Amino acid sequence: MIYSYYPGCSLDGTAKEYNLSLKAICPVLGIELKEVKDWICCGATSAHQTSHLLSVSLPAKSLAEVEKEGLDEVVVPCAACFQRLKTARYELENSPELLKDVSVIIDYPFENKVKVLHPLEIFSSSNVLELAKRNIKKDLSKLKVVCYYGCLLTRPPKVMQFDNYEYPMSMDEILSRIGVTVLDWSYKTDCCGASLALTKSEIVLRLINNIFENAEAVGADAIAVGCTLCHTNLDTRQEEAKKVYNKNYNLPIFFFTQLMGLAFGMSAKELSLHTHFVSPDKLLSKII
């Protein structure tokens, strides 16, 4: 299976471990990723706060590059990029005039035919799940994890059309299939505070403390995520939360792709686990 691949800015920077682990596990699952030539930033929050036309044109430019390569599906692992590309597709589908304007701006007769997929969608297909199960080399059954999807992957539901927007299960099913003990909890899609970390960090600390409290209450050893900003907030701010709330959670935060790589027998170094602020070494030494 060959898919076009849009890494986005985060996976080339602050979330390199997500990029590396995704690329490491895909060959095991019979998946080839072909990075989009000349992809550009999706616009993130800045573009749609500045200009509606800009917020649609930036994702459209990258989707147009996929069209030029003759592929009709693109994998987008970053939750923010995933939402911006899906939103652009949705708006262009529902506005022929906007599609004309954008085609002029990007200097290409854009047809808006490329399907935007998250890795969780691909990995949760029956064929890939079976391949994943067949390639398990390490027993992760002693690892108790809660799956945190964050607020962007599934919302707004009419645009994203991804999983159950209130109670998603794709990550749970994938990790369960590779042997991880996945726990039920109440904070799957609650917001971590996102970029408020830069302006109102006290809000972020309160929100992530609620997440940590519930994860600990259900008996989790770690949290699995599929969003780069969620990973940053949960991984880098535990010390700050400890000072404010006087609680030492010490919960490792994994990208779900890293847990898949561990199950497939890959080393912590291969999966860049050493780059995390909350070290998973002590936890992994007990379970692997």
C-alpha atoms as a PDB file:
ATOM      1  CA  MET A   1       0.000   0.000   0.000  1.00  0.00           C
ATOM      2  CA  ILE A   2       1.444   3.344  -1.081  1.00  0.00           C
ATOM      3  CA  TYR A   3       0.257   6.576   0.510  1.00  0.00           C
ATOM      4  CA  SER A   4       1.312  10.151   0.038  1.00  0.00           C
ATOM      5  CA  TYR A   5       2.725  11.479   3.308  1.00  0.00           C
ATOM      6  CA  TYR A   6       2.383  14.977   4.743  1.00  0.00           C
ATOM      7  CA  PRO A   7       4.561  15.257   7.890  1.00  0.00           C
ATOM      8  CA  GLY A   8       3.847  18.890   8.691  1.00  0.00           C
ATOM      9  CA  CYS A   9       6.153  21.228  10.581  1.00  0.00           C
ATOM     10  CA  SER A  10       5.920  19.554  14.005  1.00  0.00           C
ATOM     11  CA  LEU A  11       7.085  16.162  12.780  1.00  0.00           C
ATOM     12  CA  ASP A  12      10.122  17.817  11.257  1.00  0.00           C
ATOM     13  CA  GLY A  13      10.840  19.571  14.567  1.00  0.00           C
ATOM     14  CA  THR A  14       9.369  19.192  18.045  1.00  0.00           C
ATOM     15  CA  ALA A  15       7.783  15.799  17.318  1.00  0.00           C
ATOM     16  CA  LYS A  16      10.578  14.076  15.418  1.00  0.00           C
ATOM     17  CA  GLU A  17      10.001  10.905  17.430  1.00  0.00           C
ATOM     18  CA  TYR A  18       6.476  10.669  16.000  1.00  0.00           C
ATOM     19  CA  ASN A  19       7.888  10.942  12.487  1.00  0.00           C
ATOM     20  CA  LEU A  20      10.674   8.416  13.110  1.00  0.00           C
ATOM     21  CA  SER A  21       8.448   5.854  14.814  1.00  0.00           C
ATOM     22  CA  LEU A  22       5.741   6.119  12.154  1.00  0.00           C
ATOM     23  CA  LYS A  23       8.288   5.584   9.387  1.00  0.00           C
ATOM     24  CA  ALA A  24       9.806   2.675  11.320  1.00  0.00           C
ATOM     25  CA  ILE A  25       6.575   0.714  11.735  1.00  0.00           C
ATOM     26  CA  CYS A  26       5.008   1.283   8.319  1.00  0.00           C
ATOM     27  CA  PRO A  27       7.228  -1.220   6.435  1.00  0.00           C
ATOM     28  CA  VAL A  28       6.302  -3.874   9.027  1.00  0.00           C
ATOM     29  CA  LEU A  29       2.660  -3.237   8.144  1.00  0.00           C
ATOM     30  CA  GLY A  30       3.193  -3.334   4.380  1.00  0.00           C
ATOM     31  CA  ILE A  31       2.801   0.439   4.036  1.00  0.00           C
ATOM     32  CA  GLU A  32       5.003   2.720   1.936  1.00  0.00           C
ATOM     33  CA  LEU A  33       4.944   6.465   2.646  1.00  0.00           C
ATOM     34  CA  LYS A  34       5.856   8.846  -0.156  1.00  0.00           C
ATOM     35  CA  GLU A  35       6.523  12.310   1.276  1.00  0.00           C
ATOM     36  CA  VAL A  36       4.688  15.118  -0.505  1.00  0.00           C
ATOM     37  CA  LYS A  37       7.103  17.024  -2.704  1.00  0.00           C
ATOM     38  CA  ASP A  38       7.270  20.736  -1.847  1.00  0.00           C
ATOM     39  CA  TRP A  39       4.726  20.517   0.974  1.00  0.00           C
ATOM     40  CA  ILE A  40       4.242  23.712   2.964  1.00  0.00           C
ATOM     41  CA  CYS A  41       2.900  24.618   6.412  1.00  0.00           C
ATOM     42  CA  CYS A  42      -0.824  23.933   6.853  1.00  0.00           C
ATOM     43  CA  GLY A  43      -1.277  27.381   8.430  1.00  0.00           C
ATOM     44  CA  ALA A  44      -2.003  25.954  11.868  1.00  0.00           C
ATOM     45  CA  THR A  45      -3.869  28.420  14.100  1.00  0.00           C
ATOM     46  CA  SER A  46      -2.188  31.522  12.701  1.00  0.00           C
ATOM     47  CA  ALA A  47      -3.619  31.365   9.187  1.00  0.00           C
ATOM     48  CA  HIS A  48      -7.290  30.983  10.042  1.00  0.00           C
ATOM     49  CA  GLN A  49      -6.965  33.737  12.650  1.00  0.00           C
ATOM     50  CA  THR A  50      -5.566  35.999   9.932  1.00  0.00           C
ATOM     51  CA  SER A  51      -7.344  35.221   6.675  1.00  0.00           C
ATOM     52  CA  HIS A  52      -9.967  32.668   5.696  1.00  0.00           C
ATOM     53  CA  LEU A  53      -8.652  32.519   2.139  1.00  0.00           C
ATOM     54  CA  LEU A  54      -5.103  31.954   3.379  1.00  0.00           C
ATOM     55  CA  SER A  55      -6.248  29.197   5.758  1.00  0.00           C
ATOM     56  CA  VAL A  56      -7.749  27.268   2.827  1.00  0.00           C
ATOM     57  CA  SER A  57      -5.070  28.048   0.248  1.00  0.00           C
ATOM     58  CA  LEU A  58      -2.131  26.778   2.315  1.00  0.00           C
ATOM     59  CA  PRO A  59      -3.523  23.230   2.776  1.00  0.00           C
ATOM     60  CA  ALA A  60      -4.815  23.250  -0.805  1.00  0.00           C
ATOM     61  CA  LYS A  61      -1.293  23.927  -2.107  1.00  0.00           C
ATOM     62  CA  SER A  62       0.019  20.768  -0.433  1.00  0.00           C
ATOM     63  CA  LEU A  63      -2.998  18.717  -1.529  1.00  0.00           C
ATOM     64  CA  ALA A  64      -2.410  19.961  -5.076  1.00  0.00           C
ATOM     65  CA  GLU A  65       1.132  18.548  -4.899  1.00  0.00           C
ATOM     66  CA  VAL A  66      -0.397  15.160  -4.060  1.00  0.00           C
ATOM     67  CA  GLU A  67      -2.697  15.432  -7.090  1.00  0.00           C
ATOM     68  CA  LYS A  68       0.302  16.225  -9.297  1.00  0.00           C
ATOM     69  CA  GLU A  69       1.992  13.022  -8.122  1.00  0.00           C
ATOM     70  CA  GLY A  70      -1.046  10.984  -9.165  1.00  0.00           C
ATOM     71  CA  LEU A  71      -1.964   9.792  -5.662  1.00  0.00           C
ATOM     72  CA  ASP A  72      -5.426  10.134  -4.197  1.00  0.00           C
ATOM     73  CA  GLU A  73      -4.805   9.571  -0.459  1.00  0.00           C
ATOM     74  CA  VAL A  74      -2.517  11.431   1.909  1.00  0.00           C
ATOM     75  CA  VAL A  75      -1.557  10.394   5.448  1.00  0.00           C
ATOM     76  CA  VAL A  76      -1.425  13.260   7.945  1.00  0.00           C
ATOM     77  CA  PRO A  77      -0.265  12.264  11.465  1.00  0.00           C
ATOM     78  CA  CYS A  78      -0.309  15.688  13.192  1.00  0.00           C
ATOM     79  CA  ALA A  79      -3.795  16.332  14.590  1.00  0.00           C
ATOM     80  CA  ALA A  80      -3.645  20.065  13.825  1.00  0.00           C
ATOM     81  CA  CYS A  81      -2.491  19.486  10.238  1.00  0.00           C
ATOM     82  CA  PHE A  82      -5.084  16.732   9.872  1.00  0.00           C
ATOM     83  CA  GLN A  83      -7.825  19.141  10.924  1.00  0.00           C
ATOM     84  CA  ARG A  84      -6.638  21.997   8.710  1.00  0.00           C
ATOM     85  CA  LEU A  85      -6.350  19.813   5.595  1.00  0.00           C
ATOM     86  CA  LYS A  86      -9.731  18.189   6.263  1.00  0.00           C
ATOM     87  CA  THR A  87     -11.312  21.597   6.861  1.00  0.00           C
ATOM     88  CA  ALA A  88      -9.909  22.971   3.609  1.00  0.00           C
ATOM     89  CA  ARG A  89     -11.248  19.959   1.692  1.00  0.00           C
ATOM     90  CA  TYR A  90     -14.677  20.357   3.313  1.00  0.00           C
ATOM     91  CA  GLU A  91     -14.922  24.069   2.546  1.00  0.00           C
ATOM     92  CA  LEU A  92     -13.755  23.649  -1.041  1.00  0.00           C
ATOM     93  CA  GLU A  93     -16.252  20.840  -1.608  1.00  0.00           C
ATOM     94  CA  ASN A  94     -19.047  23.142  -0.513  1.00  0.00           C
ATOM     95  CA  SER A  95     -18.003  26.302  -2.352  1.00  0.00           C
ATOM     96  CA  PRO A  96     -17.245  26.211  -6.108  1.00  0.00           C
ATOM     97  CA  GLU A  97     -16.391  29.929  -5.977  1.00  0.00           C
ATOM     98  CA  LEU A  98     -13.832  29.378  -3.224  1.00  0.00           C
ATOM     99  CA  LEU A  99     -12.334  26.513  -5.231  1.00  0.00           C
ATOM    100  CA  LYS A 100     -11.915  28.846  -8.224  1.00  0.00           C
ATOM    101  CA  ASP A 101     -10.261  31.522  -6.084  1.00  0.00           C
ATOM    102  CA  VAL A 102      -7.885  29.058  -4.477  1.00  0.00           C
ATOM    103  CA  SER A 103      -6.953  27.531  -7.838  1.00  0.00           C
ATOM    104  CA  VAL A 104      -5.901  30.975  -9.015  1.00  0.00           C
ATOM    105  CA  ILE A 105      -3.895  31.624  -5.847  1.00  0.00           C
ATOM    106  CA  ILE A 106      -1.978  28.334  -6.009  1.00  0.00           C
ATOM    107  CA  ASP A 107      -1.685  28.571  -9.804  1.00  0.00           C
ATOM    108  CA  TYR A 108      -3.047  25.087 -10.394  1.00  0.00           C
ATOM    109  CA  PRO A 109      -6.445  23.746 -11.577  1.00  0.00           C
ATOM    110  CA  PHE A 110      -7.092  22.077  -8.221  1.00  0.00           C
ATOM    111  CA  GLU A 111      -9.701  19.286  -8.296  1.00  0.00           C
ATOM    112  CA  ASN A 112      -9.868  18.659  -4.518  1.00  0.00           C
ATOM    113  CA  LYS A 113      -9.978  14.874  -4.926  1.00  0.00           C
ATOM    114  CA  VAL A 114      -7.325  13.813  -2.411  1.00  0.00           C
ATOM    115  CA  LYS A 115      -8.628  11.947   0.632  1.00  0.00           C
ATOM    116  CA  VAL A 116      -7.007  13.020   3.914  1.00  0.00           C
ATOM    117  CA  LEU A 117      -6.329  10.155   6.340  1.00  0.00           C
ATOM    118  CA  HIS A 118      -4.919   9.854   9.831  1.00  0.00           C
ATOM    119  CA  PRO A 119      -2.591   6.888  10.521  1.00  0.00           C
ATOM    120  CA  LEU A 120      -5.123   5.593  13.048  1.00  0.00           C
ATOM    121  CA  GLU A 121      -7.627   5.130  10.217  1.00  0.00           C
ATOM    122  CA  ILE A 122      -5.193   3.046   8.194  1.00  0.00           C
ATOM    123  CA  PHE A 123      -3.843   1.001  11.098  1.00  0.00           C
ATOM    124  CA  SER A 124      -7.325   0.111  12.358  1.00  0.00           C
ATOM    125  CA  SER A 125      -8.290  -1.641   9.114  1.00  0.00           C
ATOM    126  CA  SER A 126      -8.701  -5.398   9.480  1.00  0.00           C
ATOM    127  CA  ASN A 127      -5.781  -6.234   7.145  1.00  0.00           C
ATOM    128  CA  VAL A 128      -3.304  -3.982   8.914  1.00  0.00           C
ATOM    129  CA  LEU A 129      -4.482  -5.125  12.358  1.00  0.00           C
ATOM    130  CA  GLU A 130      -3.840  -8.711  11.335  1.00  0.00           C
ATOM    131  CA  LEU A 131      -0.343  -7.834  10.096  1.00  0.00           C
ATOM    132  CA  ALA A 132       0.336  -5.992  13.343  1.00  0.00           C
ATOM    133  CA  LYS A 133      -0.715  -8.998  15.395  1.00  0.00           C
ATOM    134  CA  ARG A 134       1.492 -11.318  13.336  1.00  0.00           C
ATOM    135  CA  ASN A 135       4.548  -9.118  13.872  1.00  0.00           C
ATOM    136  CA  ILE A 136       4.415  -8.882  17.667  1.00  0.00           C
ATOM    137  CA  LYS A 137       7.820  -9.707  19.135  1.00  0.00           C
ATOM    138  CA  LYS A 138       7.533  -8.275  22.649  1.00  0.00           C
ATOM    139  CA  ASP A 139       4.851  -8.844  25.252  1.00  0.00           C
ATOM    140  CA  LEU A 140       3.395  -5.509  26.369  1.00  0.00           C
ATOM    141  CA  SER A 141       0.481  -6.978  28.320  1.00  0.00           C
ATOM    142  CA  LYS A 142       1.849  -5.675  31.623  1.00  0.00           C
ATOM    143  CA  LEU A 143       1.743  -2.105  30.302  1.00  0.00           C
ATOM    144  CA  LYS A 144      -1.480  -0.345  31.330  1.00  0.00           C
ATOM    145  CA  VAL A 145      -2.269   2.601  29.081  1.00  0.00           C
ATOM    146  CA  VAL A 146      -5.062   5.119  28.523  1.00  0.00           C
ATOM    147  CA  CYS A 147      -5.552   6.468  24.988  1.00  0.00           C
ATOM    148  CA  TYR A 148      -5.764  10.238  24.703  1.00  0.00           C
ATOM    149  CA  TYR A 149      -7.083  11.550  21.390  1.00  0.00           C
ATOM    150  CA  GLY A 150      -7.312  15.232  22.299  1.00  0.00           C
ATOM    151  CA  CYS A 151      -9.898  17.647  20.945  1.00  0.00           C
ATOM    152  CA  LEU A 152      -8.784  18.119  17.313  1.00  0.00           C
ATOM    153  CA  LEU A 153      -8.816  14.622  15.816  1.00  0.00           C
ATOM    154  CA  THR A 154     -12.572  14.141  15.953  1.00  0.00           C
ATOM    155  CA  ARG A 155     -14.021  17.659  15.944  1.00  0.00           C
ATOM    156  CA  PRO A 156     -15.989  19.198  14.356  1.00  0.00           C
ATOM    157  CA  PRO A 157     -17.549  15.827  13.455  1.00  0.00           C
ATOM    158  CA  LYS A 158     -19.214  16.978  10.222  1.00  0.00           C
ATOM    159  CA  VAL A 159     -15.784  17.969   8.903  1.00  0.00           C
ATOM    160  CA  MET A 160     -13.505  15.364  10.429  1.00  0.00           C
ATOM    161  CA  GLN A 161     -15.746  12.297   9.998  1.00  0.00           C
ATOM    162  CA  PHE A 162     -13.216  10.408  12.064  1.00  0.00           C
ATOM    163  CA  ASP A 163     -14.128   7.779  14.643  1.00  0.00           C
ATOM    164  CA  ASN A 164     -16.744   8.534  17.328  1.00  0.00           C
ATOM    165  CA  TYR A 165     -16.241  12.198  18.177  1.00  0.00           C
ATOM    166  CA  GLU A 166     -17.224  11.751  21.839  1.00  0.00           C
ATOM    167  CA  TYR A 167     -15.751   8.312  22.491  1.00  0.00           C
ATOM    168  CA  PRO A 168     -13.214   7.286  19.823  1.00  0.00           C
ATOM    169  CA  MET A 169     -11.860   3.742  19.871  1.00  0.00           C
ATOM    170  CA  SER A 170      -9.416   3.342  16.952  1.00  0.00           C
ATOM    171  CA  MET A 171      -6.259   3.841  19.044  1.00  0.00           C
ATOM    172  CA  ASP A 172      -7.657   1.600  21.781  1.00  0.00           C
ATOM    173  CA  GLU A 173      -8.315  -1.179  19.267  1.00  0.00           C
ATOM    174  CA  ILE A 174      -4.862  -0.942  17.687  1.00  0.00           C
ATOM    175  CA  LEU A 175      -2.969  -0.978  20.981  1.00  0.00           C
ATOM    176  CA  SER A 176      -5.150  -3.769  22.346  1.00  0.00           C
ATOM    177  CA  ARG A 177      -4.407  -5.834  19.231  1.00  0.00           C
ATOM    178  CA  ILE A 178      -0.640  -5.522  19.767  1.00  0.00           C
ATOM    179  CA  GLY A 179      -0.991  -6.696  23.370  1.00  0.00           C
ATOM    180  CA  VAL A 180      -1.123  -3.480  25.414  1.00  0.00           C
ATOM    181  CA  THR A 181      -3.586  -3.447  28.312  1.00  0.00           C
ATOM    182  CA  VAL A 182      -5.834  -0.505  27.417  1.00  0.00           C
ATOM    183  CA  LEU A 183      -7.926   1.014  30.191  1.00  0.00           C
ATOM    184  CA  ASP A 184     -11.255   2.805  29.986  1.00  0.00           C
ATOM    185  CA  TRP A 185     -11.313   6.400  31.203  1.00  0.00           C
ATOM    186  CA  SER A 186     -13.231   9.692  30.955  1.00  0.00           C
ATOM    187  CA  TYR A 187     -10.749  12.090  29.339  1.00  0.00           C
ATOM    188  CA  LYS A 188     -10.239  10.691  25.823  1.00  0.00           C
ATOM    189  CA  THR A 189     -11.167  13.895  23.994  1.00  0.00           C
ATOM    190  CA  ASP A 190     -10.790  16.609  26.644  1.00  0.00           C
ATOM    191  CA  CYS A 191      -8.581  19.563  25.681  1.00  0.00           C
ATOM    192  CA  CYS A 192      -5.039  19.823  27.066  1.00  0.00           C
ATOM    193  CA  GLY A 193      -5.030  23.593  26.620  1.00  0.00           C
ATOM    194  CA  ALA A 194      -3.118  23.451  23.327  1.00  0.00           C
ATOM    195  CA  SER A 195      -1.225  26.679  22.535  1.00  0.00           C
ATOM    196  CA  LEU A 196      -2.568  28.428  25.631  1.00  0.00           C
ATOM    197  CA  ALA A 197       0.645  27.028  27.086  1.00  0.00           C
ATOM    198  CA  LEU A 198       2.309  30.108  25.573  1.00  0.00           C
ATOM    199  CA  THR A 199      -0.089  32.727  26.929  1.00  0.00           C
ATOM    200  CA  LYS A 200      -2.107  31.311  29.830  1.00  0.00           C
ATOM    201  CA  SER A 201      -0.084  28.423  31.179  1.00  0.00           C
ATOM    202  CA  GLU A 202      -2.161  28.241  34.376  1.00  0.00           C
ATOM    203  CA  ILE A 203      -5.116  27.026  32.294  1.00  0.00           C
ATOM    204  CA  VAL A 204      -2.992  24.347  30.648  1.00  0.00           C
ATOM    205  CA  LEU A 205      -1.682  23.173  34.028  1.00  0.00           C
ATOM    206  CA  ARG A 206      -5.219  22.849  35.366  1.00  0.00           C
ATOM    207  CA  LEU A 207      -6.407  20.910  32.319  1.00  0.00           C
ATOM    208  CA  ILE A 208      -3.465  18.519  32.177  1.00  0.00           C
ATOM    209  CA  ASN A 209      -3.687  17.945  35.934  1.00  0.00           C
ATOM    210  CA  ASN A 210      -7.285  16.791  35.410  1.00  0.00           C
ATOM    211  CA  ILE A 211      -6.056  14.412  32.708  1.00  0.00           C
ATOM    212  CA  PHE A 212      -3.275  13.035  34.916  1.00  0.00           C
ATOM    213  CA  GLU A 213      -5.643  12.612  37.868  1.00  0.00           C
ATOM    214  CA  ASN A 214      -8.105  10.543  35.855  1.00  0.00           C
ATOM    215  CA  ALA A 215      -5.369   8.464  34.209  1.00  0.00           C
ATOM    216  CA  GLU A 216      -3.888   7.663  37.601  1.00  0.00           C
ATOM    217  CA  ALA A 217      -7.324   6.959  39.096  1.00  0.00           C
ATOM    218  CA  VAL A 218      -8.017   4.181  36.587  1.00  0.00           C
ATOM    219  CA  GLY A 219      -4.561   2.653  37.151  1.00  0.00           C
ATOM    220  CA  ALA A 220      -2.672   3.789  34.050  1.00  0.00           C
ATOM    221  CA  ASP A 221       1.124   3.469  33.827  1.00  0.00           C
ATOM    222  CA  ALA A 222       1.305   5.767  30.807  1.00  0.00           C
ATOM    223  CA  ILE A 223      -0.699   7.811  28.299  1.00  0.00           C
ATOM    224  CA  ALA A 224      -0.737   7.158  24.538  1.00  0.00           C
ATOM    225  CA  VAL A 225      -1.349  10.120  22.220  1.00  0.00           C
ATOM    226  CA  GLY A 226      -1.763  10.897  18.535  1.00  0.00           C
ATOM    227  CA  CYS A 227      -1.357  14.687  18.677  1.00  0.00           C
ATOM    228  CA  THR A 228       1.951  16.533  18.707  1.00  0.00           C
ATOM    229  CA  LEU A 229       0.749  19.434  20.848  1.00  0.00           C
ATOM    230  CA  CYS A 230      -0.940  17.112  23.347  1.00  0.00           C
ATOM    231  CA  HIS A 231       2.347  15.226  23.649  1.00  0.00           C
ATOM    232  CA  THR A 232       4.260  18.447  24.263  1.00  0.00           C
ATOM    233  CA  ASN A 233       1.904  19.708  26.973  1.00  0.00           C
ATOM    234  CA  LEU A 234       1.574  16.376  28.776  1.00  0.00           C
ATOM    235  CA  ASP A 235       5.247  15.440  28.547  1.00  0.00           C
ATOM    236  CA  THR A 236       7.003  18.744  29.220  1.00  0.00           C
ATOM    237  CA  ARG A 237       4.755  20.271  31.882  1.00  0.00           C
ATOM    238  CA  GLN A 238       4.499  17.541  34.496  1.00  0.00           C
ATOM    239  CA  GLU A 239       7.133  19.251  36.672  1.00  0.00           C
ATOM    240  CA  GLU A 240       5.192  22.520  36.558  1.00  0.00           C
ATOM    241  CA  ALA A 241       1.955  20.717  37.424  1.00  0.00           C
ATOM    242  CA  LYS A 242       3.748  19.012  40.306  1.00  0.00           C
ATOM    243  CA  LYS A 243       4.753  22.378  41.799  1.00  0.00           C
ATOM    244  CA  VAL A 244       1.245  23.846  41.493  1.00  0.00           C
ATOM    245  CA  TYR A 245      -0.802  20.806  42.554  1.00  0.00           C
ATOM    246  CA  ASN A 246       1.784  19.033  44.721  1.00  0.00           C
ATOM    247  CA  LYS A 247       1.322  15.757  42.853  1.00  0.00           C
ATOM    248  CA  ASN A 248       4.066  13.662  41.297  1.00  0.00           C
ATOM    249  CA  TYR A 249       2.447  11.678  38.504  1.00  0.00           C
ATOM    250  CA  ASN A 250       5.600  10.761  36.532  1.00  0.00           C
ATOM    251  CA  LEU A 251       3.482   9.332  33.702  1.00  0.00           C
ATOM    252  CA  PRO A 252       5.402   8.609  30.473  1.00  0.00           C
ATOM    253  CA  ILE A 253       3.683   9.977  27.375  1.00  0.00           C
ATOM    254  CA  PHE A 254       4.034   7.804  24.259  1.00  0.00           C
ATOM    255  CA  PHE A 255       3.027   8.405  20.688  1.00  0.00           C
ATOM    256  CA  PHE A 256       0.930   5.348  19.801  1.00  0.00           C
ATOM    257  CA  THR A 257       3.415   4.629  17.002  1.00  0.00           C
ATOM    258  CA  GLN A 258       6.191   4.224  19.564  1.00  0.00           C
ATOM    259  CA  LEU A 259       4.208   1.589  21.440  1.00  0.00           C
ATOM    260  CA  MET A 260       3.588  -0.247  18.185  1.00  0.00           C
ATOM    261  CA  GLY A 261       7.318  -0.145  17.473  1.00  0.00           C
ATOM    262  CA  LEU A 262       8.105  -1.580  20.907  1.00  0.00           C
ATOM    263  CA  ALA A 263       5.682  -4.425  20.285  1.00  0.00           C
ATOM    264  CA  PHE A 264       7.402  -5.098  16.949  1.00  0.00           C
ATOM    265  CA  GLY A 265      10.741  -5.506  18.738  1.00  0.00           C
ATOM    266  CA  MET A 266      12.263  -2.119  17.972  1.00  0.00           C
ATOM    267  CA  SER A 267      14.627  -0.535  20.483  1.00  0.00           C
ATOM    268  CA  ALA A 268      13.946   2.524  22.596  1.00  0.00           C
ATOM    269  CA  LYS A 269      16.694   4.335  20.690  1.00  0.00           C
ATOM    270  CA  GLU A 270      15.173   3.505  17.305  1.00  0.00           C
ATOM    271  CA  LEU A 271      11.898   4.994  18.533  1.00  0.00           C
ATOM    272  CA  SER A 272      13.554   8.076  20.092  1.00  0.00           C
ATOM    273  CA  LEU A 273      12.161   7.377  23.545  1.00  0.00           C
ATOM    274  CA  HIS A 274      15.249   9.031  25.031  1.00  0.00           C
ATOM    275  CA  THR A 275      14.004  12.425  23.809  1.00  0.00           C
ATOM    276  CA  HIS A 276      11.011  12.497  26.179  1.00  0.00           C
ATOM    277  CA  PHE A 277      11.021  14.744  29.235  1.00  0.00           C
ATOM    278  CA  VAL A 278       9.385  12.029  31.366  1.00  0.00           C
ATOM    279  CA  SER A 279      11.671   9.055  30.904  1.00  0.00           C
ATOM    280  CA  PRO A 280       9.905   5.737  30.237  1.00  0.00           C
ATOM    281  CA  ASP A 281      13.042   3.705  31.051  1.00  0.00           C
ATOM    282  CA  LYS A 282      12.015   2.656  34.558  1.00  0.00           C
ATOM    283  CA  LEU A 283       8.549   1.651  33.430  1.00  0.00           C
ATOM    284  CA  LEU A 284       9.784  -0.292  30.392  1.00  0.00           C
ATOM    285  CA  SER A 285      12.405  -2.147  32.462  1.00  0.00           C
ATOM    286  CA  LYS A 286       9.573  -3.625  34.531  1.00  0.00           C
ATOM    287  CA  ILE A 287       7.329  -4.711  31.683  1.00  0.00           C
ATOM    288  CA  ILE A 288       9.632  -5.803  28.848  1.00  0.00           C
END
